[in-house]
């Protein structure tokens, strides 16, 4: 497990050729990392938590660990993880840690429809018990993804563009709403 800042450093290491992960020998994966680093910087700068989200996060009175399973090449994570980080920063009771999916993570315990989809957020209490898990993307984005998949647009640039447009229009609102709804349920 690594910190959020270590996760951000991974982007630089990959782009500087300091990664020993063979997946980044593929130029398309390097391009994903470059795009995702840019998107994460943008969300760090312009992404905002709603007053409702801040109020709900501040209600957390006992320690929680928020585990995010992800990878630097994951396009959805570039739009989601910065908001999860902002939420975790809003309360000292929350410790955020990152697991790289492809390097000894717990992903096989949190499959989505049998797949290793990321990002995944697992929220645990102070004893390490799972309170809930969320992911890999907000419900409306997942519906769009499945619709595009049903129309055989699974790996195309059109799919990526449509999801990108969805995230840009949403501005992190649904991510916050869904996670806050889960926090209210515990």
C-alpha atoms as a PDB file:
ATOM      1  CA  UNK A   1       0.000   0.000   0.000  1.00  0.00           C
ATOM      2  CA  UNK A   2       1.174   3.483  -0.808  1.00  0.00           C
ATOM      3  CA  UNK A   3       0.092   7.031  -0.096  1.00  0.00           C
ATOM      4  CA  UNK A   4      -1.680   9.296  -2.555  1.00  0.00           C
ATOM      5  CA  UNK A   5       1.541  11.272  -3.050  1.00  0.00           C
ATOM      6  CA  UNK A   6       3.437   8.040  -3.801  1.00  0.00           C
ATOM      7  CA  UNK A   7       0.739   7.240  -6.357  1.00  0.00           C
ATOM      8  CA  UNK A   8       1.281  10.613  -8.032  1.00  0.00           C
ATOM      9  CA  UNK A   9       5.040   9.958  -8.053  1.00  0.00           C
ATOM     10  CA  UNK A  10       4.381   6.723  -9.960  1.00  0.00           C
ATOM     11  CA  UNK A  11       3.058   8.800 -12.870  1.00  0.00           C
ATOM     12  CA  UNK A  12       6.318  10.757 -13.049  1.00  0.00           C
ATOM     13  CA  UNK A  13       8.430   7.604 -12.721  1.00  0.00           C
ATOM     14  CA  UNK A  14       6.538   5.927 -15.557  1.00  0.00           C
ATOM     15  CA  UNK A  15       6.795   8.971 -17.810  1.00  0.00           C
ATOM     16  CA  UNK A  16      10.508   9.360 -16.974  1.00  0.00           C
ATOM     17  CA  UNK A  17      11.146   5.715 -17.951  1.00  0.00           C
ATOM     18  CA  UNK A  18      11.848   4.645 -14.373  1.00  0.00           C
ATOM     19  CA  UNK A  19       9.113   2.004 -14.229  1.00  0.00           C
ATOM     20  CA  UNK A  20      10.106  -1.645 -14.515  1.00  0.00           C
ATOM     21  CA  UNK A  21       6.540  -2.724 -15.290  1.00  0.00           C
ATOM     22  CA  UNK A  22       6.546  -4.195 -18.797  1.00  0.00           C
ATOM     23  CA  UNK A  23       3.062  -2.871 -19.549  1.00  0.00           C
ATOM     24  CA  UNK A  24       4.579   0.602 -19.935  1.00  0.00           C
ATOM     25  CA  UNK A  25       6.769  -0.570 -22.786  1.00  0.00           C
ATOM     26  CA  UNK A  26       3.575  -0.259 -24.839  1.00  0.00           C
ATOM     27  CA  UNK A  27       3.379   3.346 -26.144  1.00  0.00           C
ATOM     28  CA  UNK A  28      -0.416   3.389 -25.799  1.00  0.00           C
ATOM     29  CA  UNK A  29      -0.147   2.757 -22.046  1.00  0.00           C
ATOM     30  CA  UNK A  30       2.405   5.544 -21.741  1.00  0.00           C
ATOM     31  CA  UNK A  31      -0.060   7.845 -23.495  1.00  0.00           C
ATOM     32  CA  UNK A  32      -2.810   6.825 -21.027  1.00  0.00           C
ATOM     33  CA  UNK A  33      -0.512   7.655 -18.116  1.00  0.00           C
ATOM     34  CA  UNK A  34       0.345  11.028 -19.631  1.00  0.00           C
ATOM     35  CA  UNK A  35      -3.345  11.885 -20.182  1.00  0.00           C
ATOM     36  CA  UNK A  36      -4.319  10.652 -16.742  1.00  0.00           C
ATOM     37  CA  UNK A  37      -1.588  12.660 -15.019  1.00  0.00           C
ATOM     38  CA  UNK A  38      -2.902  15.773 -16.748  1.00  0.00           C
ATOM     39  CA  UNK A  39      -6.511  14.984 -15.813  1.00  0.00           C
ATOM     40  CA  UNK A  40      -5.610  14.382 -12.171  1.00  0.00           C
ATOM     41  CA  UNK A  41      -3.753  17.692 -11.978  1.00  0.00           C
ATOM     42  CA  UNK A  42      -6.765  19.440 -13.463  1.00  0.00           C
ATOM     43  CA  UNK A  43      -9.198  17.871 -10.966  1.00  0.00           C
ATOM     44  CA  UNK A  44      -6.849  18.727  -8.106  1.00  0.00           C
ATOM     45  CA  UNK A  45      -6.976  22.338  -9.247  1.00  0.00           C
ATOM     46  CA  UNK A  46     -10.637  22.763 -10.264  1.00  0.00           C
ATOM     47  CA  UNK A  47     -12.501  19.898  -8.564  1.00  0.00           C
ATOM     48  CA  UNK A  48     -14.600  20.988  -5.621  1.00  0.00           C
ATOM     49  CA  UNK A  49     -16.428  19.150  -2.904  1.00  0.00           C
ATOM     50  CA  UNK A  50     -20.009  20.188  -2.296  1.00  0.00           C
ATOM     51  CA  UNK A  51     -21.066  21.590   1.075  1.00  0.00           C
ATOM     52  CA  UNK A  52     -23.193  18.462   1.554  1.00  0.00           C
ATOM     53  CA  UNK A  53     -20.191  16.222   0.943  1.00  0.00           C
ATOM     54  CA  UNK A  54     -17.999  18.155   3.369  1.00  0.00           C
ATOM     55  CA  UNK A  55     -20.722  18.030   6.024  1.00  0.00           C
ATOM     56  CA  UNK A  56     -21.176  14.266   5.600  1.00  0.00           C
ATOM     57  CA  UNK A  57     -17.436  13.584   5.672  1.00  0.00           C
ATOM     58  CA  UNK A  58     -17.029  15.669   8.825  1.00  0.00           C
ATOM     59  CA  UNK A  59     -19.617  13.479  10.590  1.00  0.00           C
ATOM     60  CA  UNK A  60     -17.122  10.602  10.601  1.00  0.00           C
ATOM     61  CA  UNK A  61     -16.049  10.382  14.237  1.00  0.00           C
ATOM     62  CA  UNK A  62     -14.105   7.104  14.319  1.00  0.00           C
ATOM     63  CA  UNK A  63     -11.012   6.188  12.288  1.00  0.00           C
ATOM     64  CA  UNK A  64     -11.580   4.781   8.831  1.00  0.00           C
ATOM     65  CA  UNK A  65      -9.161   3.508   6.232  1.00  0.00           C
ATOM     66  CA  UNK A  66     -10.087   4.169   2.635  1.00  0.00           C
ATOM     67  CA  UNK A  67      -8.324   1.766   0.281  1.00  0.00           C
ATOM     68  CA  UNK A  68      -8.339   2.628  -3.414  1.00  0.00           C
ATOM     69  CA  UNK A  69      -7.332  -0.110  -5.839  1.00  0.00           C
ATOM     70  CA  UNK A  70      -6.223   1.427  -9.119  1.00  0.00           C
ATOM     71  CA  UNK A  71      -3.458   1.806 -11.710  1.00  0.00           C
ATOM     72  CA  UNK A  72      -1.941   4.897 -13.378  1.00  0.00           C
ATOM     73  CA  UNK A  73      -3.193   3.758 -16.816  1.00  0.00           C
ATOM     74  CA  UNK A  74      -6.857   3.686 -15.671  1.00  0.00           C
ATOM     75  CA  UNK A  75      -8.859   6.469 -17.323  1.00  0.00           C
ATOM     76  CA  UNK A  76     -11.788   6.335 -14.891  1.00  0.00           C
ATOM     77  CA  UNK A  77      -9.393   6.587 -11.937  1.00  0.00           C
ATOM     78  CA  UNK A  78      -7.994   9.856 -13.262  1.00  0.00           C
ATOM     79  CA  UNK A  79     -11.450  11.391 -12.792  1.00  0.00           C
ATOM     80  CA  UNK A  80     -12.371   9.608  -9.551  1.00  0.00           C
ATOM     81  CA  UNK A  81      -9.288   9.266  -7.334  1.00  0.00           C
ATOM     82  CA  UNK A  82      -8.702  13.045  -6.999  1.00  0.00           C
ATOM     83  CA  UNK A  83     -12.216  13.443  -5.544  1.00  0.00           C
ATOM     84  CA  UNK A  84     -11.730  10.519  -3.170  1.00  0.00           C
ATOM     85  CA  UNK A  85      -8.472  12.159  -2.074  1.00  0.00           C
ATOM     86  CA  UNK A  86     -10.237  15.496  -1.489  1.00  0.00           C
ATOM     87  CA  UNK A  87     -12.908  13.721   0.552  1.00  0.00           C
ATOM     88  CA  UNK A  88     -10.295  11.934   2.671  1.00  0.00           C
ATOM     89  CA  UNK A  89      -8.473  15.211   3.297  1.00  0.00           C
ATOM     90  CA  UNK A  90     -11.677  16.724   4.702  1.00  0.00           C
ATOM     91  CA  UNK A  91     -11.480  14.611   7.884  1.00  0.00           C
ATOM     92  CA  UNK A  92      -8.429  13.571   9.905  1.00  0.00           C
ATOM     93  CA  UNK A  93     -10.252  10.357  10.850  1.00  0.00           C
ATOM     94  CA  UNK A  94      -9.771   9.085   7.277  1.00  0.00           C
ATOM     95  CA  UNK A  95      -6.526   7.457   6.188  1.00  0.00           C
ATOM     96  CA  UNK A  96      -6.297   7.048   2.409  1.00  0.00           C
ATOM     97  CA  UNK A  97      -4.073   4.316   0.960  1.00  0.00           C
ATOM     98  CA  UNK A  98      -3.607   3.177  -2.623  1.00  0.00           C
ATOM     99  CA  UNK A  99      -3.064  -0.365  -3.886  1.00  0.00           C
ATOM    100  CA  UNK A 100      -1.851  -0.987  -7.414  1.00  0.00           C
ATOM    101  CA  UNK A 101      -4.245  -3.545  -8.848  1.00  0.00           C
ATOM    102  CA  UNK A 102      -1.575  -5.506 -10.688  1.00  0.00           C
ATOM    103  CA  UNK A 103       0.907  -5.668  -7.819  1.00  0.00           C
ATOM    104  CA  UNK A 104      -0.469  -7.739  -4.946  1.00  0.00           C
ATOM    105  CA  UNK A 105      -3.749  -5.885  -4.402  1.00  0.00           C
ATOM    106  CA  UNK A 106      -6.948  -7.233  -2.911  1.00  0.00           C
ATOM    107  CA  UNK A 107      -8.876  -6.776  -6.183  1.00  0.00           C
ATOM    108  CA  UNK A 108      -9.842 -10.446  -6.454  1.00  0.00           C
ATOM    109  CA  UNK A 109     -12.003  -9.989  -3.334  1.00  0.00           C
ATOM    110  CA  UNK A 110     -13.839  -7.041  -4.926  1.00  0.00           C
ATOM    111  CA  UNK A 111     -14.674  -8.144  -8.457  1.00  0.00           C
ATOM    112  CA  UNK A 112     -17.285  -6.334 -10.525  1.00  0.00           C
ATOM    113  CA  UNK A 113     -19.419  -8.784 -12.479  1.00  0.00           C
ATOM    114  CA  UNK A 114     -16.490 -11.215 -12.306  1.00  0.00           C
ATOM    115  CA  UNK A 115     -13.984  -8.649 -13.618  1.00  0.00           C
ATOM    116  CA  UNK A 116     -11.046  -6.849 -12.017  1.00  0.00           C
ATOM    117  CA  UNK A 117     -12.494  -3.408 -12.809  1.00  0.00           C
ATOM    118  CA  UNK A 118     -10.916  -0.365 -11.217  1.00  0.00           C
ATOM    119  CA  UNK A 119     -10.884   1.956  -9.435  1.00  0.00           C
ATOM    120  CA  UNK A 120     -12.405   0.361  -6.358  1.00  0.00           C
ATOM    121  CA  UNK A 121     -12.851   2.112  -3.028  1.00  0.00           C
ATOM    122  CA  UNK A 122     -13.035  -0.054   0.091  1.00  0.00           C
ATOM    123  CA  UNK A 123     -13.964   1.755   3.304  1.00  0.00           C
ATOM    124  CA  UNK A 124     -12.949   0.031   6.543  1.00  0.00           C
ATOM    125  CA  UNK A 125     -13.490   0.745  10.209  1.00  0.00           C
ATOM    126  CA  UNK A 126     -10.712   1.030  12.788  1.00  0.00           C
ATOM    127  CA  UNK A 127     -10.690  -2.764  13.230  1.00  0.00           C
ATOM    128  CA  UNK A 128     -10.222  -3.401   9.508  1.00  0.00           C
ATOM    129  CA  UNK A 129     -13.804  -4.508   8.876  1.00  0.00           C
ATOM    130  CA  UNK A 130     -15.269  -3.533   5.520  1.00  0.00           C
ATOM    131  CA  UNK A 131     -18.025  -0.959   5.856  1.00  0.00           C
ATOM    132  CA  UNK A 132     -18.680  -0.798   2.114  1.00  0.00           C
ATOM    133  CA  UNK A 133     -17.007  -0.795  -1.273  1.00  0.00           C
ATOM    134  CA  UNK A 134     -17.708   1.354  -4.295  1.00  0.00           C
ATOM    135  CA  UNK A 135     -16.653   1.394  -7.909  1.00  0.00           C
ATOM    136  CA  UNK A 136     -15.455   1.093 -10.564  1.00  0.00           C
ATOM    137  CA  UNK A 137     -17.325   4.199 -11.700  1.00  0.00           C
ATOM    138  CA  UNK A 138     -20.461   6.218 -10.841  1.00  0.00           C
ATOM    139  CA  UNK A 139     -23.733   4.499 -11.806  1.00  0.00           C
ATOM    140  CA  UNK A 140     -24.557   6.862 -14.734  1.00  0.00           C
ATOM    141  CA  UNK A 141     -21.033   6.444 -16.158  1.00  0.00           C
ATOM    142  CA  UNK A 142     -21.350   2.678 -15.734  1.00  0.00           C
ATOM    143  CA  UNK A 143     -24.665   2.763 -17.608  1.00  0.00           C
ATOM    144  CA  UNK A 144     -22.991   4.727 -20.411  1.00  0.00           C
ATOM    145  CA  UNK A 145     -20.089   2.262 -20.463  1.00  0.00           C
ATOM    146  CA  UNK A 146     -22.470  -0.706 -20.739  1.00  0.00           C
ATOM    147  CA  UNK A 147     -24.531   1.017 -23.429  1.00  0.00           C
ATOM    148  CA  UNK A 148     -21.395   1.662 -25.463  1.00  0.00           C
ATOM    149  CA  UNK A 149     -20.272  -1.924 -24.881  1.00  0.00           C
ATOM    150  CA  UNK A 150     -23.663  -3.240 -26.058  1.00  0.00           C
ATOM    151  CA  UNK A 151     -23.193  -1.161 -29.197  1.00  0.00           C
ATOM    152  CA  UNK A 152     -19.749  -2.746 -29.694  1.00  0.00           C
ATOM    153  CA  UNK A 153     -17.887   0.477 -28.896  1.00  0.00           C
ATOM    154  CA  UNK A 154     -15.906  -1.121 -26.053  1.00  0.00           C
ATOM    155  CA  UNK A 155     -12.295  -0.203 -26.815  1.00  0.00           C
ATOM    156  CA  UNK A 156     -12.716   2.621 -29.256  1.00  0.00           C
ATOM    157  CA  UNK A 157     -11.641   6.199 -28.881  1.00  0.00           C
ATOM    158  CA  UNK A 158     -15.348   7.086 -29.179  1.00  0.00           C
ATOM    159  CA  UNK A 159     -16.068   5.244 -25.897  1.00  0.00           C
ATOM    160  CA  UNK A 160     -13.229   7.022 -24.155  1.00  0.00           C
ATOM    161  CA  UNK A 161     -14.347  10.385 -25.517  1.00  0.00           C
ATOM    162  CA  UNK A 162     -17.945   9.872 -24.416  1.00  0.00           C
ATOM    163  CA  UNK A 163     -16.903   8.861 -20.904  1.00  0.00           C
ATOM    164  CA  UNK A 164     -14.502  11.820 -20.777  1.00  0.00           C
ATOM    165  CA  UNK A 165     -17.366  14.153 -21.715  1.00  0.00           C
ATOM    166  CA  UNK A 166     -19.548  12.598 -19.027  1.00  0.00           C
ATOM    167  CA  UNK A 167     -16.917  13.116 -16.315  1.00  0.00           C
ATOM    168  CA  UNK A 168     -16.233  16.684 -17.438  1.00  0.00           C
ATOM    169  CA  UNK A 169     -19.922  17.581 -17.396  1.00  0.00           C
ATOM    170  CA  UNK A 170     -20.539  15.897 -14.028  1.00  0.00           C
ATOM    171  CA  UNK A 171     -17.611  17.645 -12.276  1.00  0.00           C
ATOM    172  CA  UNK A 172     -17.376  14.909  -9.604  1.00  0.00           C
ATOM    173  CA  UNK A 173     -20.909  15.441  -8.288  1.00  0.00           C
ATOM    174  CA  UNK A 174     -22.206  11.877  -8.666  1.00  0.00           C
ATOM    175  CA  UNK A 175     -19.015  10.382  -7.204  1.00  0.00           C
ATOM    176  CA  UNK A 176     -19.557  12.467  -4.087  1.00  0.00           C
ATOM    177  CA  UNK A 177     -23.289  11.728  -3.905  1.00  0.00           C
ATOM    178  CA  UNK A 178     -22.835   7.973  -4.199  1.00  0.00           C
ATOM    179  CA  UNK A 179     -20.042   7.758  -1.627  1.00  0.00           C
ATOM    180  CA  UNK A 180     -21.943  10.023   0.786  1.00  0.00           C
ATOM    181  CA  UNK A 181     -25.054   7.860   0.404  1.00  0.00           C
ATOM    182  CA  UNK A 182     -22.975   4.829   1.374  1.00  0.00           C
ATOM    183  CA  UNK A 183     -21.487   6.696   4.347  1.00  0.00           C
ATOM    184  CA  UNK A 184     -25.006   7.547   5.534  1.00  0.00           C
ATOM    185  CA  UNK A 185     -25.952   3.864   5.359  1.00  0.00           C
ATOM    186  CA  UNK A 186     -23.331   2.742   7.920  1.00  0.00           C
END
